[in-house]
Amino acid sequence: MGERDSADADWDRKLTPEQYAVCRCSATEPPFSGRYWDHHADGIYHCVCCGQPLFASVSKYDSGSGWPSFSAPIAAQAISQHRDESLGMARIEVRCAQCDAHLGHVFADGPPPTGLRYCVNSAALDFKD
């Protein structure tokens, strides 16, 4: 078994099938289905794979999209951005900078002051208050 195969097997054991599909295979959960799309508690959203803090609840807002939406990451270095041309469109994918887990995408249609909408899959997140 190669190094990549071994890492994939480790993730497969650690994550639920939905978490694995989203975080390791860049799948997207259906809108209005994830546990955090309508979540309003105060706290920090962490990467479900490695535990790195990603978003604070103070930056979460209701975008109407059906996915958790944030105006900014907790720290710029918490996420990485990558060009995504899948599905016949150009988007910016966001991943956890520590473990490379797929989180979702960022769009330039968010509220002030950033004007950004980090549209994130609930399956990629773990909330801690």
C-alpha atoms as a PDB file:
ATOM      1  CA  MET A   1       0.000   0.000   0.000  1.00  0.00           C
ATOM      2  CA  GLY A   2       1.453   3.380  -1.024  1.00  0.00           C
ATOM      3  CA  GLU A   3       1.780   6.460   1.186  1.00  0.00           C
ATOM      4  CA  ARG A   4      -1.333   8.076  -0.341  1.00  0.00           C
ATOM      5  CA  ASP A   5      -3.338   4.848  -0.014  1.00  0.00           C
ATOM      6  CA  SER A   6      -2.335   4.582   3.650  1.00  0.00           C
ATOM      7  CA  ALA A   7      -3.350   8.197   4.339  1.00  0.00           C
ATOM      8  CA  ASP A   8      -6.694   7.664   2.584  1.00  0.00           C
ATOM      9  CA  ALA A   9      -7.328   4.552   4.671  1.00  0.00           C
ATOM     10  CA  ASP A  10      -6.581   6.530   7.849  1.00  0.00           C
ATOM     11  CA  TRP A  11      -9.068   9.238   6.833  1.00  0.00           C
ATOM     12  CA  ASP A  12     -11.626   6.593   5.882  1.00  0.00           C
ATOM     13  CA  ARG A  13     -11.395   5.131   9.403  1.00  0.00           C
ATOM     14  CA  LYS A  14     -11.546   8.521  11.165  1.00  0.00           C
ATOM     15  CA  LEU A  15     -14.372  10.169   9.203  1.00  0.00           C
ATOM     16  CA  THR A  16     -17.991   9.273   8.511  1.00  0.00           C
ATOM     17  CA  PRO A  17     -18.754   8.419   4.869  1.00  0.00           C
ATOM     18  CA  GLU A  18     -20.239  11.915   4.345  1.00  0.00           C
ATOM     19  CA  GLN A  19     -17.261  13.649   5.983  1.00  0.00           C
ATOM     20  CA  TYR A  20     -14.851  11.596   3.860  1.00  0.00           C
ATOM     21  CA  ALA A  21     -16.745  12.388   0.635  1.00  0.00           C
ATOM     22  CA  VAL A  22     -16.766  16.128   1.402  1.00  0.00           C
ATOM     23  CA  CYS A  23     -13.326  16.595   2.962  1.00  0.00           C
ATOM     24  CA  ARG A  24     -11.187  14.149   1.020  1.00  0.00           C
ATOM     25  CA  CYS A  25     -13.115  13.900  -2.298  1.00  0.00           C
ATOM     26  CA  SER A  26     -14.492  17.487  -2.617  1.00  0.00           C
ATOM     27  CA  ALA A  27     -18.156  16.450  -2.557  1.00  0.00           C
ATOM     28  CA  THR A  28     -20.875  18.897  -1.533  1.00  0.00           C
ATOM     29  CA  GLU A  29     -23.666  18.139   0.911  1.00  0.00           C
ATOM     30  CA  PRO A  30     -27.192  19.066  -0.212  1.00  0.00           C
ATOM     31  CA  PRO A  31     -28.309  22.580   0.802  1.00  0.00           C
ATOM     32  CA  PHE A  32     -30.286  22.891   4.054  1.00  0.00           C
ATOM     33  CA  SER A  33     -29.157  19.400   5.123  1.00  0.00           C
ATOM     34  CA  GLY A  34     -26.033  19.974   7.227  1.00  0.00           C
ATOM     35  CA  ARG A  35     -26.135  20.345  10.990  1.00  0.00           C
ATOM     36  CA  TYR A  36     -24.630  23.855  10.993  1.00  0.00           C
ATOM     37  CA  TRP A  37     -26.505  25.715   8.231  1.00  0.00           C
ATOM     38  CA  ASP A  38     -29.027  27.067  10.800  1.00  0.00           C
ATOM     39  CA  HIS A  39     -26.756  26.943  13.867  1.00  0.00           C
ATOM     40  CA  HIS A  40     -26.517  30.095  15.996  1.00  0.00           C
ATOM     41  CA  ALA A  41     -24.446  29.274  19.105  1.00  0.00           C
ATOM     42  CA  ASP A  42     -21.349  31.276  20.053  1.00  0.00           C
ATOM     43  CA  GLY A  43     -18.068  29.471  19.543  1.00  0.00           C
ATOM     44  CA  ILE A  44     -15.498  28.300  17.034  1.00  0.00           C
ATOM     45  CA  TYR A  45     -15.902  26.068  13.985  1.00  0.00           C
ATOM     46  CA  HIS A  46     -12.942  23.678  13.608  1.00  0.00           C
ATOM     47  CA  CYS A  47     -11.795  21.387  10.802  1.00  0.00           C
ATOM     48  CA  VAL A  48     -13.438  17.999  11.361  1.00  0.00           C
ATOM     49  CA  CYS A  49     -10.292  16.266  10.079  1.00  0.00           C
ATOM     50  CA  CYS A  50      -7.481  17.894  12.071  1.00  0.00           C
ATOM     51  CA  GLY A  51      -9.171  20.179  14.607  1.00  0.00           C
ATOM     52  CA  GLN A  52      -7.650  23.448  13.371  1.00  0.00           C
ATOM     53  CA  PRO A  53      -9.826  26.498  14.222  1.00  0.00           C
ATOM     54  CA  LEU A  54     -11.307  27.848  10.970  1.00  0.00           C
ATOM     55  CA  PHE A  55     -14.207  30.247  11.598  1.00  0.00           C
ATOM     56  CA  ALA A  56     -15.608  32.137  14.590  1.00  0.00           C
ATOM     57  CA  SER A  57     -19.359  32.317  15.105  1.00  0.00           C
ATOM     58  CA  VAL A  58     -19.178  36.135  15.012  1.00  0.00           C
ATOM     59  CA  SER A  59     -18.400  35.912  11.271  1.00  0.00           C
ATOM     60  CA  LYS A  60     -21.284  33.492  10.543  1.00  0.00           C
ATOM     61  CA  TYR A  61     -24.375  34.867   8.842  1.00  0.00           C
ATOM     62  CA  ASP A  62     -27.493  33.615   7.071  1.00  0.00           C
ATOM     63  CA  SER A  63     -26.789  33.843   3.349  1.00  0.00           C
ATOM     64  CA  GLY A  64     -29.973  31.986   2.407  1.00  0.00           C
ATOM     65  CA  SER A  65     -27.842  29.466   0.497  1.00  0.00           C
ATOM     66  CA  GLY A  66     -28.494  26.478   2.778  1.00  0.00           C
ATOM     67  CA  TRP A  67     -24.865  26.095   3.831  1.00  0.00           C
ATOM     68  CA  PRO A  68     -22.997  27.666   6.747  1.00  0.00           C
ATOM     69  CA  SER A  69     -21.703  31.016   5.507  1.00  0.00           C
ATOM     70  CA  PHE A  70     -18.943  33.122   7.011  1.00  0.00           C
ATOM     71  CA  SER A  71     -17.623  36.559   6.102  1.00  0.00           C
ATOM     72  CA  ALA A  72     -14.017  35.711   7.059  1.00  0.00           C
ATOM     73  CA  PRO A  73     -11.872  32.884   8.416  1.00  0.00           C
ATOM     74  CA  ILE A  74     -10.664  33.083  12.008  1.00  0.00           C
ATOM     75  CA  ALA A  75      -7.167  33.797  10.619  1.00  0.00           C
ATOM     76  CA  ALA A  76      -6.006  34.224   7.027  1.00  0.00           C
ATOM     77  CA  GLN A  77      -3.473  31.414   7.432  1.00  0.00           C
ATOM     78  CA  ALA A  78      -6.183  28.940   8.593  1.00  0.00           C
ATOM     79  CA  ILE A  79      -7.375  28.306   5.052  1.00  0.00           C
ATOM     80  CA  SER A  80      -5.868  27.974   1.610  1.00  0.00           C
ATOM     81  CA  GLN A  81      -7.519  28.963  -1.649  1.00  0.00           C
ATOM     82  CA  HIS A  82      -7.387  27.073  -4.953  1.00  0.00           C
ATOM     83  CA  ARG A  83      -8.836  27.681  -8.408  1.00  0.00           C
ATOM     84  CA  ASP A  84     -11.660  25.212  -9.105  1.00  0.00           C
ATOM     85  CA  GLU A  85     -12.918  24.825 -12.665  1.00  0.00           C
ATOM     86  CA  SER A  86     -15.097  21.776 -12.032  1.00  0.00           C
ATOM     87  CA  LEU A  87     -18.781  21.809 -12.982  1.00  0.00           C
ATOM     88  CA  GLY A  88     -18.044  24.062 -15.950  1.00  0.00           C
ATOM     89  CA  MET A  89     -17.465  27.214 -13.886  1.00  0.00           C
ATOM     90  CA  ALA A  90     -14.539  29.035 -12.314  1.00  0.00           C
ATOM     91  CA  ARG A  91     -14.713  29.224  -8.517  1.00  0.00           C
ATOM     92  CA  ILE A  92     -12.312  29.541  -5.611  1.00  0.00           C
ATOM     93  CA  GLU A  93     -12.178  26.434  -3.449  1.00  0.00           C
ATOM     94  CA  VAL A  94     -11.238  26.793   0.225  1.00  0.00           C
ATOM     95  CA  ARG A  95      -9.373  24.098   2.114  1.00  0.00           C
ATOM     96  CA  CYS A  96      -7.996  23.682   5.602  1.00  0.00           C
ATOM     97  CA  ALA A  97      -4.415  24.960   5.412  1.00  0.00           C
ATOM     98  CA  GLN A  98      -3.241  22.364   7.920  1.00  0.00           C
ATOM     99  CA  CYS A  99      -4.594  19.102   6.455  1.00  0.00           C
ATOM    100  CA  ASP A 100      -5.856  20.128   2.992  1.00  0.00           C
ATOM    101  CA  ALA A 101      -9.478  19.117   3.713  1.00  0.00           C
ATOM    102  CA  HIS A 102     -11.998  20.504   1.230  1.00  0.00           C
ATOM    103  CA  LEU A 103     -14.275  22.953   3.064  1.00  0.00           C
ATOM    104  CA  GLY A 104     -16.272  24.639   0.310  1.00  0.00           C
ATOM    105  CA  HIS A 105     -15.903  27.787  -1.802  1.00  0.00           C
ATOM    106  CA  VAL A 106     -15.552  31.536  -1.334  1.00  0.00           C
ATOM    107  CA  PHE A 107     -17.633  34.016  -3.320  1.00  0.00           C
ATOM    108  CA  ALA A 108     -17.481  37.805  -3.644  1.00  0.00           C
ATOM    109  CA  ASP A 109     -21.146  38.336  -2.736  1.00  0.00           C
ATOM    110  CA  GLY A 110     -20.945  38.533   1.049  1.00  0.00           C
ATOM    111  CA  PRO A 111     -21.732  41.291   3.525  1.00  0.00           C
ATOM    112  CA  PRO A 112     -19.482  44.165   4.571  1.00  0.00           C
ATOM    113  CA  PRO A 113     -16.824  44.633   5.674  1.00  0.00           C
ATOM    114  CA  THR A 114     -15.183  41.825   3.646  1.00  0.00           C
ATOM    115  CA  GLY A 115     -17.753  41.400   0.865  1.00  0.00           C
ATOM    116  CA  LEU A 116     -16.936  37.675   0.953  1.00  0.00           C
ATOM    117  CA  ARG A 117     -19.072  34.592   1.521  1.00  0.00           C
ATOM    118  CA  TYR A 118     -17.207  31.507   2.653  1.00  0.00           C
ATOM    119  CA  CYS A 119     -19.777  28.849   1.794  1.00  0.00           C
ATOM    120  CA  VAL A 120     -18.754  25.796   3.820  1.00  0.00           C
ATOM    121  CA  ASN A 121     -20.057  22.250   4.143  1.00  0.00           C
ATOM    122  CA  SER A 122     -21.276  21.366   7.644  1.00  0.00           C
ATOM    123  CA  ALA A 123     -19.668  17.935   7.195  1.00  0.00           C
ATOM    124  CA  ALA A 124     -16.235  19.627   7.143  1.00  0.00           C
ATOM    125  CA  LEU A 125     -16.812  21.369  10.473  1.00  0.00           C
ATOM    126  CA  ASP A 126     -16.807  20.551  14.175  1.00  0.00           C
ATOM    127  CA  PHE A 127     -18.233  23.206  16.498  1.00  0.00           C
ATOM    128  CA  LYS A 128     -16.882  23.963  19.975  1.00  0.00           C
ATOM    129  CA  ASP A 129     -18.301  26.591  22.313  1.00  0.00           C
END
